[in-house]
Amino acid sequence: MVLTLMDPDGNIELVELVSDSGTGQVGGLTWVHGNMGKYYVRVEGAEADWTIWIRPQ
């Protein structure tokens, strides 16, 4: 599974947040700090039983 932060205006890939390492574990989390405006997260290859939580810290 891959989670990518996308710019909705230009459909531009900004940063890969999480990537499946190929071992069945998801890792490589990248934190995005600050007020960046409105963006969306693209999810690729997610299994049907996955739940994705997006929470402020």
Protein backbone atom coordinates (compact mmCIF):
# COMPACT_ATOMS: atom_id res chain seq x y z
CA MET A 1 0.00 0.00 0.00
CA VAL A 2 1.19 3.52 -0.75
CA LEU A 3 -0.17 6.75 0.75
CA THR A 4 0.75 9.89 -1.19
CA LEU A 5 -0.01 13.55 -0.40
CA MET A 6 -1.46 15.13 -3.55
CA ASP A 7 -2.11 18.74 -4.62
CA PRO A 8 -5.73 18.75 -5.85
CA ASP A 9 -5.31 21.76 -8.14
CA GLY A 10 -2.64 20.30 -10.39
CA ASN A 11 -2.97 16.61 -9.45
CA ILE A 12 0.71 16.85 -8.43
CA GLU A 13 2.33 14.27 -6.17
CA LEU A 14 3.93 16.18 -3.27
CA VAL A 15 5.35 13.53 -0.93
CA GLU A 16 5.00 9.80 -0.34
CA LEU A 17 3.78 9.49 3.25
CA VAL A 18 3.83 5.72 3.76
CA SER A 19 5.06 2.86 1.59
CA ASP A 20 4.73 -0.92 1.97
CA SER A 21 8.23 -2.32 2.37
CA GLY A 22 7.27 -5.54 0.58
CA THR A 23 7.40 -7.50 3.84
CA GLY A 24 3.74 -6.98 4.65
CA GLN A 25 4.57 -4.14 7.06
CA VAL A 26 3.84 -0.52 6.32
CA GLY A 27 6.59 1.88 7.34
CA GLY A 28 8.51 4.96 6.33
CA LEU A 29 6.06 7.47 7.75
CA THR A 30 6.81 11.08 6.78
CA TRP A 31 5.33 13.79 8.99
CA VAL A 32 4.01 16.92 7.28
CA HIS A 33 4.05 20.00 9.52
CA GLY A 34 2.49 23.43 9.13
CA ASN A 35 -0.51 24.93 7.38
CA MET A 36 -0.19 23.80 3.78
CA GLY A 37 -3.73 24.51 2.60
CA LYS A 38 -6.08 21.85 1.25
CA TYR A 39 -4.62 18.62 -0.08
CA TYR A 40 -5.74 15.03 -0.30
CA VAL A 41 -4.18 11.64 0.31
CA ARG A 42 -4.10 9.10 -2.54
CA VAL A 43 -4.24 5.45 -1.43
CA GLU A 44 -2.96 2.78 -3.80
CA GLY A 45 -3.13 -0.98 -3.40
CA ALA A 46 -5.04 -0.96 -0.12
CA GLU A 47 -6.55 -4.29 0.89
CA ALA A 48 -10.29 -4.45 1.57
CA ASP A 49 -9.81 -5.04 5.30
CA TRP A 50 -7.49 -2.04 5.89
CA THR A 51 -8.59 0.96 7.95
CA ILE A 52 -6.74 4.24 7.46
CA TRP A 53 -6.85 6.84 10.25
CA ILE A 54 -5.83 10.45 9.70
CA ARG A 55 -5.64 12.37 12.99
CA PRO A 56 -4.17 15.72 14.05
CA GLN A 57 -1.43 15.58 16.66
